[in-house]
Amino acid sequence: MMTLKIILPDKITEIDKIILRLAEFLIDKFENQIVRVERFDGWDGSNIRIVVKDIGLLEEIIKAIGEFEARLGITGTIVPRIVSEDETDRVC
């Protein structure tokens, strides 16, 4: 069994704070389907990578992110890259 580990960068940004809140929100909604939520500088402009156990939840997670942004009044802030757990071996 793995323990929870939160690794903070030397300089914490607003997106880092959003990631912490988003992780909690997604865990509440999808429980053990969320593997990791992390800051990410993607070539496509994505800024958050979400690693999931079941990529079939993709549309539901995107809707949940929209709900999260609307609640915080930050619509358009999160540009997610959602990947399956086994895909991270090829992507990272």
PDB file of N, CA and C in Angstrom:
ATOM      1  N   MET A   1       0.837  -1.179   0.000  1.00  0.00           N
ATOM      2  CA  MET A   1       0.000   0.000   0.000  1.00  0.00           C
ATOM      3  C   MET A   1       0.883   1.244   0.000  1.00  0.00           C
ATOM      4  N   MET A   2       0.577   2.167  -0.893  1.00  0.00           N
ATOM      5  CA  MET A   2       1.344   3.414  -0.963  1.00  0.00           C
ATOM      6  C   MET A   2       0.716   4.454  -0.033  1.00  0.00           C
ATOM      7  N   THR A   3       1.533   5.360   0.439  1.00  0.00           N
ATOM      8  CA  THR A   3       1.032   6.442   1.266  1.00  0.00           C
ATOM      9  C   THR A   3       0.883   7.690   0.415  1.00  0.00           C
ATOM     10  N   LEU A   4       0.136   8.636   0.929  1.00  0.00           N
ATOM     11  CA  LEU A   4      -0.045   9.908   0.237  1.00  0.00           C
ATOM     12  C   LEU A   4       1.228  10.735   0.363  1.00  0.00           C
ATOM     13  N   LYS A   5       1.672  11.296  -0.753  1.00  0.00           N
ATOM     14  CA  LYS A   5       2.856  12.128  -0.749  1.00  0.00           C
ATOM     15  C   LYS A   5       2.545  13.376  -1.563  1.00  0.00           C
ATOM     16  N   ILE A   6       2.770  14.539  -0.983  1.00  0.00           N
ATOM     17  CA  ILE A   6       2.594  15.798  -1.698  1.00  0.00           C
ATOM     18  C   ILE A   6       3.955  16.461  -1.774  1.00  0.00           C
ATOM     19  N   ILE A   7       4.440  16.639  -2.990  1.00  0.00           N
ATOM     20  CA  ILE A   7       5.748  17.254  -3.189  1.00  0.00           C
ATOM     21  C   ILE A   7       5.518  18.671  -3.688  1.00  0.00           C
ATOM     22  N   LEU A   8       5.960  19.639  -2.926  1.00  0.00           N
ATOM     23  CA  LEU A   8       5.752  21.039  -3.276  1.00  0.00           C
ATOM     24  C   LEU A   8       7.009  21.618  -3.917  1.00  0.00           C
ATOM     25  N   PRO A   9       6.835  22.436  -4.948  1.00  0.00           N
ATOM     26  CA  PRO A   9       7.991  23.067  -5.582  1.00  0.00           C
ATOM     27  C   PRO A   9       8.558  24.167  -4.686  1.00  0.00           C
ATOM     28  N   ASP A  10       9.749  24.639  -5.007  1.00  0.00           N
ATOM     29  CA  ASP A  10      10.358  25.719  -4.225  1.00  0.00           C
ATOM     30  C   ASP A  10       9.474  26.966  -4.213  1.00  0.00           C
ATOM     31  N   LYS A  11       8.894  27.273  -5.360  1.00  0.00           N
ATOM     32  CA  LYS A  11       8.011  28.430  -5.455  1.00  0.00           C
ATOM     33  C   LYS A  11       6.609  27.941  -5.817  1.00  0.00           C
ATOM     34  N   ILE A  12       5.676  28.086  -4.894  1.00  0.00           N
ATOM     35  CA  ILE A  12       4.308  27.630  -5.107  1.00  0.00           C
ATOM     36  C   ILE A  12       3.553  28.685  -5.907  1.00  0.00           C
ATOM     37  N   THR A  13       2.924  28.240  -7.003  1.00  0.00           N
ATOM     38  CA  THR A  13       2.172  29.140  -7.874  1.00  0.00           C
ATOM     39  C   THR A  13       0.670  28.967  -7.628  1.00  0.00           C
ATOM     40  N   GLU A  14      -0.118  29.829  -8.243  1.00  0.00           N
ATOM     41  CA  GLU A  14      -1.570  29.715  -8.132  1.00  0.00           C
ATOM     42  C   GLU A  14      -2.057  28.390  -8.714  1.00  0.00           C
ATOM     43  N   ILE A  15      -1.450  27.961  -9.810  1.00  0.00           N
ATOM     44  CA  ILE A  15      -1.873  26.693 -10.405  1.00  0.00           C
ATOM     45  C   ILE A  15      -1.586  25.530  -9.463  1.00  0.00           C
ATOM     46  N   ASP A  16      -0.527  25.613  -8.670  1.00  0.00           N
ATOM     47  CA  ASP A  16      -0.237  24.578  -7.671  1.00  0.00           C
ATOM     48  C   ASP A  16      -1.366  24.518  -6.635  1.00  0.00           C
ATOM     49  N   LYS A  17      -1.823  25.662  -6.191  1.00  0.00           N
ATOM     50  CA  LYS A  17      -2.924  25.706  -5.222  1.00  0.00           C
ATOM     51  C   LYS A  17      -4.206  25.148  -5.835  1.00  0.00           C
ATOM     52  N   ILE A  18      -4.437  25.469  -7.097  1.00  0.00           N
ATOM     53  CA  ILE A  18      -5.610  24.936  -7.793  1.00  0.00           C
ATOM     54  C   ILE A  18      -5.519  23.421  -7.903  1.00  0.00           C
ATOM     55  N   ILE A  19      -4.321  22.917  -8.191  1.00  0.00           N
ATOM     56  CA  ILE A  19      -4.118  21.472  -8.318  1.00  0.00           C
ATOM     57  C   ILE A  19      -4.467  20.752  -7.018  1.00  0.00           C
ATOM     58  N   LEU A  20      -4.050  21.301  -5.888  1.00  0.00           N
ATOM     59  CA  LEU A  20      -4.370  20.684  -4.600  1.00  0.00           C
ATOM     60  C   LEU A  20      -5.883  20.603  -4.400  1.00  0.00           C
ATOM     61  N   ARG A  21      -6.577  21.679  -4.703  1.00  0.00           N
ATOM     62  CA  ARG A  21      -8.037  21.711  -4.547  1.00  0.00           C
ATOM     63  C   ARG A  21      -8.709  20.790  -5.562  1.00  0.00           C
ATOM     64  N   LEU A  22      -8.197  20.779  -6.795  1.00  0.00           N
ATOM     65  CA  LEU A  22      -8.758  19.923  -7.831  1.00  0.00           C
ATOM     66  C   LEU A  22      -8.589  18.450  -7.462  1.00  0.00           C
ATOM     67  N   ALA A  23      -7.433  18.087  -6.950  1.00  0.00           N
ATOM     68  CA  ALA A  23      -7.194  16.695  -6.544  1.00  0.00           C
ATOM     69  C   ALA A  23      -8.236  16.257  -5.516  1.00  0.00           C
ATOM     70  N   GLU A  24      -8.485  17.095  -4.533  1.00  0.00           N
ATOM     71  CA  GLU A  24      -9.486  16.765  -3.519  1.00  0.00           C
ATOM     72  C   GLU A  24     -10.872  16.611  -4.147  1.00  0.00           C
ATOM     73  N   PHE A  25     -11.222  17.533  -5.040  1.00  0.00           N
ATOM     74  CA  PHE A  25     -12.515  17.499  -5.712  1.00  0.00           C
ATOM     75  C   PHE A  25     -12.675  16.208  -6.521  1.00  0.00           C
ATOM     76  N   LEU A  26     -11.655  15.858  -7.291  1.00  0.00           N
ATOM     77  CA  LEU A  26     -11.721  14.654  -8.121  1.00  0.00           C
ATOM     78  C   LEU A  26     -11.749  13.381  -7.286  1.00  0.00           C
ATOM     79  N   ILE A  27     -11.013  13.358  -6.203  1.00  0.00           N
ATOM     80  CA  ILE A  27     -11.023  12.192  -5.315  1.00  0.00           C
ATOM     81  C   ILE A  27     -12.411  12.007  -4.706  1.00  0.00           C
ATOM     82  N   ASP A  28     -13.041  13.105  -4.308  1.00  0.00           N
ATOM     83  CA  ASP A  28     -14.397  13.019  -3.760  1.00  0.00           C
ATOM     84  C   ASP A  28     -15.370  12.452  -4.787  1.00  0.00           C
ATOM     85  N   LYS A  29     -15.188  12.824  -6.049  1.00  0.00           N
ATOM     86  CA  LYS A  29     -16.097  12.383  -7.118  1.00  0.00           C
ATOM     87  C   LYS A  29     -15.793  10.992  -7.655  1.00  0.00           C
ATOM     88  N   PHE A  30     -14.519  10.680  -7.816  1.00  0.00           N
ATOM     89  CA  PHE A  30     -14.125   9.438  -8.488  1.00  0.00           C
ATOM     90  C   PHE A  30     -13.371   8.457  -7.596  1.00  0.00           C
ATOM     91  N   GLU A  31     -13.202   8.796  -6.352  1.00  0.00           N
ATOM     92  CA  GLU A  31     -12.558   7.955  -5.343  1.00  0.00           C
ATOM     93  C   GLU A  31     -11.248   7.352  -5.827  1.00  0.00           C
ATOM     94  N   ASN A  32     -11.156   6.042  -5.867  1.00  0.00           N
ATOM     95  CA  ASN A  32      -9.866   5.398  -6.148  1.00  0.00           C
ATOM     96  C   ASN A  32      -9.528   5.307  -7.637  1.00  0.00           C
ATOM     97  N   GLN A  33     -10.253   6.003  -8.506  1.00  0.00           N
ATOM     98  CA  GLN A  33      -9.938   6.005  -9.941  1.00  0.00           C
ATOM     99  C   GLN A  33      -8.846   7.021 -10.288  1.00  0.00           C
ATOM    100  N   ILE A  34      -8.612   7.982  -9.391  1.00  0.00           N
ATOM    101  CA  ILE A  34      -7.602   9.013  -9.616  1.00  0.00           C
ATOM    102  C   ILE A  34      -6.281   8.518  -9.038  1.00  0.00           C
ATOM    103  N   VAL A  35      -5.249   8.473  -9.891  1.00  0.00           N
ATOM    104  CA  VAL A  35      -3.933   8.001  -9.460  1.00  0.00           C
ATOM    105  C   VAL A  35      -3.044   9.184  -9.085  1.00  0.00           C
ATOM    106  N   ARG A  36      -3.076  10.231  -9.924  1.00  0.00           N
ATOM    107  CA  ARG A  36      -2.175  11.368  -9.714  1.00  0.00           C
ATOM    108  C   ARG A  36      -2.745  12.605 -10.392  1.00  0.00           C
ATOM    109  N   VAL A  37      -2.532  13.755  -9.759  1.00  0.00           N
ATOM    110  CA  VAL A  37      -2.871  15.059 -10.333  1.00  0.00           C
ATOM    111  C   VAL A  37      -1.627  15.917 -10.165  1.00  0.00           C
ATOM    112  N   GLU A  38      -1.101  16.440 -11.287  1.00  0.00           N
ATOM    113  CA  GLU A  38       0.180  17.140 -11.198  1.00  0.00           C
ATOM    114  C   GLU A  38       0.258  18.296 -12.191  1.00  0.00           C
ATOM    115  N   ARG A  39       1.107  19.258 -11.846  1.00  0.00           N
ATOM    116  CA  ARG A  39       1.388  20.353 -12.775  1.00  0.00           C
ATOM    117  C   ARG A  39       2.152  19.787 -13.955  1.00  0.00           C
ATOM    118  N   PHE A  40       1.842  20.316 -15.131  1.00  0.00           N
ATOM    119  CA  PHE A  40       2.385  19.729 -16.347  1.00  0.00           C
ATOM    120  C   PHE A  40       2.478  20.822 -17.400  1.00  0.00           C
ATOM    121  N   ASP A  41       3.604  20.934 -18.062  1.00  0.00           N
ATOM    122  CA  ASP A  41       3.766  21.896 -19.161  1.00  0.00           C
ATOM    123  C   ASP A  41       3.774  21.111 -20.461  1.00  0.00           C
ATOM    124  N   GLY A  42       2.592  20.926 -21.035  1.00  0.00           N
ATOM    125  CA  GLY A  42       2.461  20.136 -22.251  1.00  0.00           C
ATOM    126  C   GLY A  42       2.686  20.957 -23.503  1.00  0.00           C
ATOM    127  N   TRP A  43       3.090  20.295 -24.559  1.00  0.00           N
ATOM    128  CA  TRP A  43       3.311  20.952 -25.841  1.00  0.00           C
ATOM    129  C   TRP A  43       2.010  21.537 -26.390  1.00  0.00           C
ATOM    130  N   ASP A  44       0.891  20.970 -25.954  1.00  0.00           N
ATOM    131  CA  ASP A  44      -0.408  21.416 -26.447  1.00  0.00           C
ATOM    132  C   ASP A  44      -1.041  22.495 -25.579  1.00  0.00           C
ATOM    133  N   GLY A  45      -0.288  23.022 -24.630  1.00  0.00           N
ATOM    134  CA  GLY A  45      -0.813  24.057 -23.742  1.00  0.00           C
ATOM    135  C   GLY A  45      -1.413  23.511 -22.461  1.00  0.00           C
ATOM    136  N   SER A  46      -1.437  22.185 -22.330  1.00  0.00           N
ATOM    137  CA  SER A  46      -2.002  21.613 -21.110  1.00  0.00           C
ATOM    138  C   SER A  46      -1.142  22.000 -19.907  1.00  0.00           C
ATOM    139  N   ASN A  47      -1.828  22.201 -18.781  1.00  0.00           N
ATOM    140  CA  ASN A  47      -1.103  22.635 -17.586  1.00  0.00           C
ATOM    141  C   ASN A  47      -1.299  21.697 -16.391  1.00  0.00           C
ATOM    142  N   ILE A  48      -2.186  20.723 -16.528  1.00  0.00           N
ATOM    143  CA  ILE A  48      -2.408  19.752 -15.460  1.00  0.00           C
ATOM    144  C   ILE A  48      -2.555  18.369 -16.079  1.00  0.00           C
ATOM    145  N   ARG A  49      -1.803  17.405 -15.552  1.00  0.00           N
ATOM    146  CA  ARG A  49      -1.949  16.021 -16.005  1.00  0.00           C
ATOM    147  C   ARG A  49      -2.689  15.264 -14.911  1.00  0.00           C
ATOM    148  N   ILE A  50      -3.684  14.518 -15.346  1.00  0.00           N
ATOM    149  CA  ILE A  50      -4.468  13.699 -14.428  1.00  0.00           C
ATOM    150  C   ILE A  50      -4.309  12.259 -14.889  1.00  0.00           C
ATOM    151  N   VAL A  51      -3.767  11.442 -14.023  1.00  0.00           N
ATOM    152  CA  VAL A  51      -3.562  10.032 -14.324  1.00  0.00           C
ATOM    153  C   VAL A  51      -4.692   9.256 -13.658  1.00  0.00           C
ATOM    154  N   VAL A  52      -5.375   8.434 -14.474  1.00  0.00           N
ATOM    155  CA  VAL A  52      -6.537   7.696 -13.986  1.00  0.00           C
ATOM    156  C   VAL A  52      -6.367   6.203 -14.232  1.00  0.00           C
ATOM    157  N   LYS A  53      -7.092   5.411 -13.477  1.00  0.00           N
ATOM    158  CA  LYS A  53      -7.064   3.969 -13.672  1.00  0.00           C
ATOM    159  C   LYS A  53      -7.920   3.564 -14.861  1.00  0.00           C
ATOM    160  N   ASP A  54      -9.021   4.291 -15.084  1.00  0.00           N
ATOM    161  CA  ASP A  54      -9.968   3.939 -16.146  1.00  0.00           C
ATOM    162  C   ASP A  54     -10.157   5.123 -17.082  1.00  0.00           C
ATOM    163  N   ILE A  55      -9.530   5.083 -18.250  1.00  0.00           N
ATOM    164  CA  ILE A  55      -9.623   6.176 -19.217  1.00  0.00           C
ATOM    165  C   ILE A  55     -11.043   6.305 -19.761  1.00  0.00           C
ATOM    166  N   GLY A  56     -11.876   5.309 -19.545  1.00  0.00           N
ATOM    167  CA  GLY A  56     -13.279   5.371 -19.945  1.00  0.00           C
ATOM    168  C   GLY A  56     -14.046   6.462 -19.216  1.00  0.00           C
ATOM    169  N   LEU A  57     -13.465   6.994 -18.155  1.00  0.00           N
ATOM    170  CA  LEU A  57     -14.092   8.078 -17.388  1.00  0.00           C
ATOM    171  C   LEU A  57     -13.739   9.457 -17.944  1.00  0.00           C
ATOM    172  N   LEU A  58     -13.072   9.499 -19.081  1.00  0.00           N
ATOM    173  CA  LEU A  58     -12.561  10.742 -19.644  1.00  0.00           C
ATOM    174  C   LEU A  58     -13.618  11.847 -19.708  1.00  0.00           C
ATOM    175  N   GLU A  59     -14.758  11.584 -20.330  1.00  0.00           N
ATOM    176  CA  GLU A  59     -15.789  12.612 -20.470  1.00  0.00           C
ATOM    177  C   GLU A  59     -16.330  13.065 -19.119  1.00  0.00           C
ATOM    178  N   GLU A  60     -16.517  12.129 -18.205  1.00  0.00           N
ATOM    179  CA  GLU A  60     -17.007  12.467 -16.874  1.00  0.00           C
ATOM    180  C   GLU A  60     -16.004  13.352 -16.125  1.00  0.00           C
ATOM    181  N   ILE A  61     -14.729  13.067 -16.285  1.00  0.00           N
ATOM    182  CA  ILE A  61     -13.700  13.870 -15.614  1.00  0.00           C
ATOM    183  C   ILE A  61     -13.651  15.261 -16.210  1.00  0.00           C
ATOM    184  N   ILE A  62     -13.760  15.381 -17.519  1.00  0.00           N
ATOM    185  CA  ILE A  62     -13.765  16.702 -18.158  1.00  0.00           C
ATOM    186  C   ILE A  62     -14.955  17.520 -17.673  1.00  0.00           C
ATOM    187  N   LYS A  63     -16.118  16.896 -17.569  1.00  0.00           N
ATOM    188  CA  LYS A  63     -17.304  17.596 -17.044  1.00  0.00           C
ATOM    189  C   LYS A  63     -17.076  18.032 -15.598  1.00  0.00           C
ATOM    190  N   ALA A  64     -16.468  17.160 -14.816  1.00  0.00           N
ATOM    191  CA  ALA A  64     -16.195  17.476 -13.410  1.00  0.00           C
ATOM    192  C   ALA A  64     -15.232  18.656 -13.294  1.00  0.00           C
ATOM    193  N   ILE A  65     -14.246  18.718 -14.183  1.00  0.00           N
ATOM    194  CA  ILE A  65     -13.300  19.838 -14.170  1.00  0.00           C
ATOM    195  C   ILE A  65     -14.039  21.138 -14.483  1.00  0.00           C
ATOM    196  N   GLY A  66     -14.962  21.090 -15.444  1.00  0.00           N
ATOM    197  CA  GLY A  66     -15.774  22.266 -15.753  1.00  0.00           C
ATOM    198  C   GLY A  66     -16.594  22.716 -14.563  1.00  0.00           C
ATOM    199  N   GLU A  67     -17.163  21.770 -13.853  1.00  0.00           N
ATOM    200  CA  GLU A  67     -17.940  22.067 -12.641  1.00  0.00           C
ATOM    201  C   GLU A  67     -17.038  22.714 -11.580  1.00  0.00           C
ATOM    202  N   PHE A  68     -15.858  22.144 -11.398  1.00  0.00           N
ATOM    203  CA  PHE A  68     -14.884  22.664 -10.430  1.00  0.00           C
ATOM    204  C   PHE A  68     -14.497  24.105 -10.771  1.00  0.00           C
ATOM    205  N   GLU A  69     -14.186  24.351 -12.042  1.00  0.00           N
ATOM    206  CA  GLU A  69     -13.808  25.708 -12.466  1.00  0.00           C
ATOM    207  C   GLU A  69     -14.947  26.683 -12.259  1.00  0.00           C
ATOM    208  N   ALA A  70     -16.161  26.279 -12.564  1.00  0.00           N
ATOM    209  CA  ALA A  70     -17.320  27.152 -12.394  1.00  0.00           C
ATOM    210  C   ALA A  70     -17.519  27.513 -10.925  1.00  0.00           C
ATOM    211  N   ARG A  71     -17.362  26.543 -10.042  1.00  0.00           N
ATOM    212  CA  ARG A  71     -17.507  26.795  -8.598  1.00  0.00           C
ATOM    213  C   ARG A  71     -16.499  27.821  -8.095  1.00  0.00           C
ATOM    214  N   LEU A  72     -15.279  27.759  -8.637  1.00  0.00           N
ATOM    215  CA  LEU A  72     -14.224  28.669  -8.189  1.00  0.00           C
ATOM    216  C   LEU A  72     -14.182  29.962  -8.995  1.00  0.00           C
ATOM    217  N   GLY A  73     -14.964  30.038 -10.069  1.00  0.00           N
ATOM    218  CA  GLY A  73     -14.943  31.223 -10.921  1.00  0.00           C
ATOM    219  C   GLY A  73     -13.654  31.351 -11.710  1.00  0.00           C
ATOM    220  N   ILE A  74     -13.113  30.204 -12.138  1.00  0.00           N
ATOM    221  CA  ILE A  74     -11.831  30.200 -12.861  1.00  0.00           C
ATOM    222  C   ILE A  74     -11.959  29.483 -14.205  1.00  0.00           C
ATOM    223  N   THR A  75     -13.114  29.590 -14.819  1.00  0.00           N
ATOM    224  CA  THR A  75     -13.372  28.883 -16.071  1.00  0.00           C
ATOM    225  C   THR A  75     -12.283  29.167 -17.097  1.00  0.00           C
ATOM    226  N   GLY A  76     -11.782  28.095 -17.706  1.00  0.00           N
ATOM    227  CA  GLY A  76     -10.742  28.201 -18.723  1.00  0.00           C
ATOM    228  C   GLY A  76      -9.321  28.168 -18.189  1.00  0.00           C
ATOM    229  N   THR A  77      -9.155  28.072 -16.883  1.00  0.00           N
ATOM    230  CA  THR A  77      -7.828  28.050 -16.269  1.00  0.00           C
ATOM    231  C   THR A  77      -7.149  26.699 -16.423  1.00  0.00           C
ATOM    232  N   ILE A  78      -7.930  25.643 -16.297  1.00  0.00           N
ATOM    233  CA  ILE A  78      -7.383  24.292 -16.324  1.00  0.00           C
ATOM    234  C   ILE A  78      -7.448  23.742 -17.750  1.00  0.00           C
ATOM    235  N   VAL A  79      -6.282  23.352 -18.248  1.00  0.00           N
ATOM    236  CA  VAL A  79      -6.192  22.690 -19.554  1.00  0.00           C
ATOM    237  C   VAL A  79      -5.617  21.304 -19.259  1.00  0.00           C
ATOM    238  N   PRO A  80      -6.500  20.322 -19.071  1.00  0.00           N
ATOM    239  CA  PRO A  80      -6.027  19.022 -18.594  1.00  0.00           C
ATOM    240  C   PRO A  80      -5.498  18.114 -19.689  1.00  0.00           C
ATOM    241  N   ARG A  81      -4.570  17.279 -19.301  1.00  0.00           N
ATOM    242  CA  ARG A  81      -4.157  16.142 -20.114  1.00  0.00           C
ATOM    243  C   ARG A  81      -4.473  14.927 -19.261  1.00  0.00           C
ATOM    244  N   ILE A  82      -5.427  14.149 -19.690  1.00  0.00           N
ATOM    245  CA  ILE A  82      -5.891  13.004 -18.914  1.00  0.00           C
ATOM    246  C   ILE A  82      -5.364  11.742 -19.581  1.00  0.00           C
ATOM    247  N   VAL A  83      -4.629  10.947 -18.817  1.00  0.00           N
ATOM    248  CA  VAL A  83      -4.026   9.726 -19.348  1.00  0.00           C
ATOM    249  C   VAL A  83      -4.301   8.560 -18.411  1.00  0.00           C
ATOM    250  N   SER A  84      -4.264   7.377 -18.986  1.00  0.00           N
ATOM    251  CA  SER A  84      -4.443   6.182 -18.164  1.00  0.00           C
ATOM    252  C   SER A  84      -3.139   5.863 -17.447  1.00  0.00           C
ATOM    253  N   GLU A  85      -3.261   5.113 -16.399  1.00  0.00           N
ATOM    254  CA  GLU A  85      -2.099   4.744 -15.583  1.00  0.00           C
ATOM    255  C   GLU A  85      -1.025   4.028 -16.397  1.00  0.00           C
ATOM    256  N   ASP A  86      -1.425   3.127 -17.282  1.00  0.00           N
ATOM    257  CA  ASP A  86      -0.436   2.399 -18.078  1.00  0.00           C
ATOM    258  C   ASP A  86       0.169   3.273 -19.175  1.00  0.00           C
ATOM    259  N   GLU A  87      -0.520   4.315 -19.588  1.00  0.00           N
ATOM    260  CA  GLU A  87       0.001   5.213 -20.615  1.00  0.00           C
ATOM    261  C   GLU A  87       1.129   6.088 -20.092  1.00  0.00           C
ATOM    262  N   THR A  88       1.177   6.341 -18.799  1.00  0.00           N
ATOM    263  CA  THR A  88       2.215   7.205 -18.237  1.00  0.00           C
ATOM    264  C   THR A  88       3.598   6.633 -18.444  1.00  0.00           C
ATOM    265  N   ASP A  89       3.703   5.321 -18.545  1.00  0.00           N
ATOM    266  CA  ASP A  89       4.998   4.702 -18.800  1.00  0.00           C
ATOM    267  C   ASP A  89       5.553   5.125 -20.171  1.00  0.00           C
ATOM    268  N   ARG A  90       4.663   5.331 -21.134  1.00  0.00           N
ATOM    269  CA  ARG A  90       5.073   5.718 -22.474  1.00  0.00           C
ATOM    270  C   ARG A  90       5.202   7.226 -22.613  1.00  0.00           C
ATOM    271  N   VAL A  91       4.454   8.002 -21.806  1.00  0.00           N
ATOM    272  CA  VAL A  91       4.398   9.451 -21.969  1.00  0.00           C
ATOM    273  C   VAL A  91       5.510  10.149 -21.209  1.00  0.00           C
ATOM    274  N   CYS A  92       5.797   9.699 -20.003  1.00  0.00           N
ATOM    275  CA  CYS A  92       6.741  10.411 -19.138  1.00  0.00           C
ATOM    276  C   CYS A  92       8.163  10.325 -19.634  1.00  0.00           C
TER     277      CYS A  92
END
